């Protein structure tokens, strides 16, 4: 990722907006790195972990991530932070922004799924169903529709 993903300007802009980047030397770890590796349950690299401002893990990604996928992952983490902190309408809009910005990526299907969850948590069953209808129609062949397929939409 050092060669292909991190040098991309849009990735650097997203990191500046959404993250505090920390890199751990896993090849020759010092004592502090070993503690971090244990606490993060790091068994393969690259490992990307997003936390909220309370240190609660929002999401993680193991293995190489292409530049556009990394930007979408960071935006999903930001949206999930809003959802976890009961900012439901803001979360729904943030998830739908992921869908709009990266429609061809699996992260878009995930964003569509979570947009429905956020709408339902906000108390709007109609928006929940509308979001999941789009999930079914647009991303019906993904794991994200499978996760939501119990709903009659």
C-alpha atoms as a PDB file:
ATOM      1  CA  UNK A   1       0.000   0.000   0.000  1.00  0.00           C
ATOM      2  CA  UNK A   2       3.007   2.254   0.534  1.00  0.00           C
ATOM      3  CA  UNK A   3       3.725   2.119  -3.204  1.00  0.00           C
ATOM      4  CA  UNK A   4       0.251   2.117  -4.751  1.00  0.00           C
ATOM      5  CA  UNK A   5      -2.355   3.471  -2.340  1.00  0.00           C
ATOM      6  CA  UNK A   6      -0.892   5.960   0.127  1.00  0.00           C
ATOM      7  CA  UNK A   7       0.836   8.184  -2.491  1.00  0.00           C
ATOM      8  CA  UNK A   8      -2.494   8.961  -4.220  1.00  0.00           C
ATOM      9  CA  UNK A   9      -3.472  12.560  -3.449  1.00  0.00           C
ATOM     10  CA  UNK A  10      -7.158  11.719  -2.887  1.00  0.00           C
ATOM     11  CA  UNK A  11      -6.147   9.042  -0.372  1.00  0.00           C
ATOM     12  CA  UNK A  12      -3.901  11.509   1.428  1.00  0.00           C
ATOM     13  CA  UNK A  13      -6.770  14.024   1.504  1.00  0.00           C
ATOM     14  CA  UNK A  14      -9.132  11.380   2.934  1.00  0.00           C
ATOM     15  CA  UNK A  15      -6.588  10.374   5.578  1.00  0.00           C
ATOM     16  CA  UNK A  16      -6.235  14.026   6.572  1.00  0.00           C
ATOM     17  CA  UNK A  17     -10.038  14.354   6.790  1.00  0.00           C
ATOM     18  CA  UNK A  18     -10.975  11.065   8.467  1.00  0.00           C
ATOM     19  CA  UNK A  19      -7.976   9.544  10.205  1.00  0.00           C
ATOM     20  CA  UNK A  20      -4.871   9.744  12.290  1.00  0.00           C
ATOM     21  CA  UNK A  21      -2.527   7.331  10.552  1.00  0.00           C
ATOM     22  CA  UNK A  22      -0.190   5.143  12.592  1.00  0.00           C
ATOM     23  CA  UNK A  23       2.214   2.686  11.036  1.00  0.00           C
ATOM     24  CA  UNK A  24       3.745  -0.163  13.065  1.00  0.00           C
ATOM     25  CA  UNK A  25       6.981  -1.888  12.102  1.00  0.00           C
ATOM     26  CA  UNK A  26       5.899  -5.534  12.218  1.00  0.00           C
ATOM     27  CA  UNK A  27       9.109  -6.857  10.653  1.00  0.00           C
ATOM     28  CA  UNK A  28      11.296  -5.745  13.568  1.00  0.00           C
ATOM     29  CA  UNK A  29       8.844  -4.662  16.274  1.00  0.00           C
ATOM     30  CA  UNK A  30      10.043  -2.981  19.437  1.00  0.00           C
ATOM     31  CA  UNK A  31       8.272  -3.605  22.757  1.00  0.00           C
ATOM     32  CA  UNK A  32       5.663  -0.896  22.132  1.00  0.00           C
ATOM     33  CA  UNK A  33       4.915  -2.295  18.674  1.00  0.00           C
ATOM     34  CA  UNK A  34       4.515  -5.788  20.141  1.00  0.00           C
ATOM     35  CA  UNK A  35       1.963  -4.480  22.651  1.00  0.00           C
ATOM     36  CA  UNK A  36       0.058  -2.684  19.889  1.00  0.00           C
ATOM     37  CA  UNK A  37       0.134  -5.794  17.691  1.00  0.00           C
ATOM     38  CA  UNK A  38      -1.298  -7.881  20.545  1.00  0.00           C
ATOM     39  CA  UNK A  39      -4.003  -5.349  21.420  1.00  0.00           C
ATOM     40  CA  UNK A  40      -5.007  -4.928  17.770  1.00  0.00           C
ATOM     41  CA  UNK A  41      -4.982  -8.717  17.205  1.00  0.00           C
ATOM     42  CA  UNK A  42      -2.679  -8.063  14.259  1.00  0.00           C
ATOM     43  CA  UNK A  43      -1.967 -11.366  12.500  1.00  0.00           C
ATOM     44  CA  UNK A  44      -1.631 -10.099   8.916  1.00  0.00           C
ATOM     45  CA  UNK A  45      -0.741  -6.842   7.238  1.00  0.00           C
ATOM     46  CA  UNK A  46      -1.780  -4.459   6.112  1.00  0.00           C
ATOM     47  CA  UNK A  47      -4.308  -4.097   8.892  1.00  0.00           C
ATOM     48  CA  UNK A  48      -6.401  -0.945   8.925  1.00  0.00           C
ATOM     49  CA  UNK A  49      -8.458  -0.250  12.040  1.00  0.00           C
ATOM     50  CA  UNK A  50     -10.719   2.739  12.570  1.00  0.00           C
ATOM     51  CA  UNK A  51     -11.647   3.917  16.063  1.00  0.00           C
ATOM     52  CA  UNK A  52     -13.994   6.641  17.228  1.00  0.00           C
ATOM     53  CA  UNK A  53     -12.894   9.410  19.576  1.00  0.00           C
ATOM     54  CA  UNK A  54     -13.625   7.119  22.559  1.00  0.00           C
ATOM     55  CA  UNK A  55     -11.318   4.392  21.262  1.00  0.00           C
ATOM     56  CA  UNK A  56     -14.217   2.136  20.201  1.00  0.00           C
ATOM     57  CA  UNK A  57     -13.387   0.136  17.095  1.00  0.00           C
ATOM     58  CA  UNK A  58     -15.643   1.093  14.199  1.00  0.00           C
ATOM     59  CA  UNK A  59     -14.312  -1.206  11.478  1.00  0.00           C
ATOM     60  CA  UNK A  60     -11.218  -3.037  10.277  1.00  0.00           C
ATOM     61  CA  UNK A  61      -9.788  -4.153   6.986  1.00  0.00           C
ATOM     62  CA  UNK A  62      -7.138  -6.827   6.474  1.00  0.00           C
ATOM     63  CA  UNK A  63      -5.049  -7.013   3.321  1.00  0.00           C
ATOM     64  CA  UNK A  64      -4.340  -4.696   0.444  1.00  0.00           C
ATOM     65  CA  UNK A  65      -6.886  -1.929  -0.202  1.00  0.00           C
ATOM     66  CA  UNK A  66      -6.933  -0.056  -3.514  1.00  0.00           C
ATOM     67  CA  UNK A  67      -7.036   3.762  -3.389  1.00  0.00           C
ATOM     68  CA  UNK A  68     -10.753   4.187  -4.180  1.00  0.00           C
ATOM     69  CA  UNK A  69     -11.684   1.397  -1.779  1.00  0.00           C
ATOM     70  CA  UNK A  70      -9.625   2.978   1.002  1.00  0.00           C
ATOM     71  CA  UNK A  71     -11.396   6.294   0.513  1.00  0.00           C
ATOM     72  CA  UNK A  72     -14.751   4.505   0.692  1.00  0.00           C
ATOM     73  CA  UNK A  73     -13.644   2.583   3.814  1.00  0.00           C
ATOM     74  CA  UNK A  74     -12.721   5.822   5.568  1.00  0.00           C
ATOM     75  CA  UNK A  75     -16.045   7.409   4.628  1.00  0.00           C
ATOM     76  CA  UNK A  76     -17.875   4.303   5.917  1.00  0.00           C
ATOM     77  CA  UNK A  77     -15.976   4.522   9.206  1.00  0.00           C
ATOM     78  CA  UNK A  78     -17.015   8.172   9.536  1.00  0.00           C
ATOM     79  CA  UNK A  79     -20.649   7.254   8.830  1.00  0.00           C
ATOM     80  CA  UNK A  80     -20.507   4.390  11.323  1.00  0.00           C
ATOM     81  CA  UNK A  81     -19.206   6.755  13.987  1.00  0.00           C
ATOM     82  CA  UNK A  82     -22.291   8.915  13.424  1.00  0.00           C
ATOM     83  CA  UNK A  83     -24.538   5.845  13.617  1.00  0.00           C
ATOM     84  CA  UNK A  84     -22.903   4.521  16.794  1.00  0.00           C
ATOM     85  CA  UNK A  85     -23.284   7.954  18.419  1.00  0.00           C
ATOM     86  CA  UNK A  86     -27.019   8.122  17.573  1.00  0.00           C
ATOM     87  CA  UNK A  87     -26.646  10.814  14.906  1.00  0.00           C
ATOM     88  CA  UNK A  88     -29.008   8.790  12.747  1.00  0.00           C
ATOM     89  CA  UNK A  89     -29.983  11.309  10.071  1.00  0.00           C
ATOM     90  CA  UNK A  90     -26.379  12.421   9.589  1.00  0.00           C
ATOM     91  CA  UNK A  91     -25.330   8.773   9.434  1.00  0.00           C
ATOM     92  CA  UNK A  92     -27.948   7.954   6.801  1.00  0.00           C
ATOM     93  CA  UNK A  93     -26.775  10.856   4.640  1.00  0.00           C
ATOM     94  CA  UNK A  94     -23.129   9.861   5.094  1.00  0.00           C
ATOM     95  CA  UNK A  95     -23.863   6.255   4.087  1.00  0.00           C
ATOM     96  CA  UNK A  96     -25.795   7.431   1.038  1.00  0.00           C
ATOM     97  CA  UNK A  97     -22.846   9.658   0.147  1.00  0.00           C
ATOM     98  CA  UNK A  98     -20.660   6.531   0.016  1.00  0.00           C
ATOM     99  CA  UNK A  99     -23.201   4.971  -2.361  1.00  0.00           C
ATOM    100  CA  UNK A 100     -23.191   8.057  -4.582  1.00  0.00           C
ATOM    101  CA  UNK A 101     -19.409   8.473  -4.648  1.00  0.00           C
ATOM    102  CA  UNK A 102     -18.406   4.827  -5.143  1.00  0.00           C
ATOM    103  CA  UNK A 103     -21.421   3.066  -6.732  1.00  0.00           C
ATOM    104  CA  UNK A 104     -19.392   0.234  -8.264  1.00  0.00           C
ATOM    105  CA  UNK A 105     -17.590  -0.810  -5.093  1.00  0.00           C
ATOM    106  CA  UNK A 106     -18.775  -3.306  -2.479  1.00  0.00           C
ATOM    107  CA  UNK A 107     -18.594  -0.444   0.021  1.00  0.00           C
ATOM    108  CA  UNK A 108     -21.558   1.123  -1.820  1.00  0.00           C
ATOM    109  CA  UNK A 109     -23.670  -1.957  -1.097  1.00  0.00           C
ATOM    110  CA  UNK A 110     -22.610  -1.757   2.541  1.00  0.00           C
ATOM    111  CA  UNK A 111     -23.442   1.952   2.619  1.00  0.00           C
ATOM    112  CA  UNK A 112     -26.896   1.221   1.186  1.00  0.00           C
ATOM    113  CA  UNK A 113     -27.447  -1.451   3.861  1.00  0.00           C
ATOM    114  CA  UNK A 114     -26.417   0.837   6.717  1.00  0.00           C
ATOM    115  CA  UNK A 115     -28.442   3.759   5.321  1.00  0.00           C
ATOM    116  CA  UNK A 116     -31.542   1.647   5.930  1.00  0.00           C
ATOM    117  CA  UNK A 117     -30.427   0.796   9.437  1.00  0.00           C
ATOM    118  CA  UNK A 118     -29.809   4.471  10.204  1.00  0.00           C
ATOM    119  CA  UNK A 119     -33.240   5.437   8.847  1.00  0.00           C
ATOM    120  CA  UNK A 120     -34.935   2.799  10.977  1.00  0.00           C
ATOM    121  CA  UNK A 121     -33.013   3.903  14.067  1.00  0.00           C
ATOM    122  CA  UNK A 122     -34.180   7.456  13.319  1.00  0.00           C
ATOM    123  CA  UNK A 123     -37.734   6.122  13.490  1.00  0.00           C
ATOM    124  CA  UNK A 124     -38.548   6.303   9.791  1.00  0.00           C
ATOM    125  CA  UNK A 125     -39.718   2.861   8.656  1.00  0.00           C
ATOM    126  CA  UNK A 126     -40.679   4.154   5.203  1.00  0.00           C
ATOM    127  CA  UNK A 127     -37.141   5.451   4.524  1.00  0.00           C
ATOM    128  CA  UNK A 128     -35.720   2.204   5.902  1.00  0.00           C
ATOM    129  CA  UNK A 129     -37.824   0.199   3.450  1.00  0.00           C
ATOM    130  CA  UNK A 130     -37.019   2.557   0.579  1.00  0.00           C
ATOM    131  CA  UNK A 131     -33.283   2.290   1.245  1.00  0.00           C
ATOM    132  CA  UNK A 132     -33.463  -1.492   1.420  1.00  0.00           C
ATOM    133  CA  UNK A 133     -35.541  -1.679  -1.766  1.00  0.00           C
ATOM    134  CA  UNK A 134     -32.638   0.073  -3.484  1.00  0.00           C
ATOM    135  CA  UNK A 135     -30.277  -2.369  -1.769  1.00  0.00           C
ATOM    136  CA  UNK A 136     -32.255  -5.302  -3.172  1.00  0.00           C
ATOM    137  CA  UNK A 137     -32.602  -3.837  -6.669  1.00  0.00           C
ATOM    138  CA  UNK A 138     -29.073  -2.526  -7.052  1.00  0.00           C
ATOM    139  CA  UNK A 139     -26.995  -4.802  -4.862  1.00  0.00           C
ATOM    140  CA  UNK A 140     -29.178  -7.915  -4.668  1.00  0.00           C
ATOM    141  CA  UNK A 141     -26.272 -10.152  -5.636  1.00  0.00           C
ATOM    142  CA  UNK A 142     -24.046  -9.029  -2.751  1.00  0.00           C
ATOM    143  CA  UNK A 143     -23.533 -10.210   0.798  1.00  0.00           C
ATOM    144  CA  UNK A 144     -25.131  -6.940   1.947  1.00  0.00           C
ATOM    145  CA  UNK A 145     -28.506  -7.884   0.480  1.00  0.00           C
ATOM    146  CA  UNK A 146     -28.112 -11.366   1.933  1.00  0.00           C
ATOM    147  CA  UNK A 147     -27.658  -9.737   5.361  1.00  0.00           C
ATOM    148  CA  UNK A 148     -30.832  -7.695   4.826  1.00  0.00           C
ATOM    149  CA  UNK A 149     -32.885 -10.281   2.965  1.00  0.00           C
ATOM    150  CA  UNK A 150     -35.018 -11.155   6.001  1.00  0.00           C
ATOM    151  CA  UNK A 151     -36.871  -7.871   5.440  1.00  0.00           C
ATOM    152  CA  UNK A 152     -39.871  -7.864   3.149  1.00  0.00           C
ATOM    153  CA  UNK A 153     -39.161  -4.889   0.901  1.00  0.00           C
END
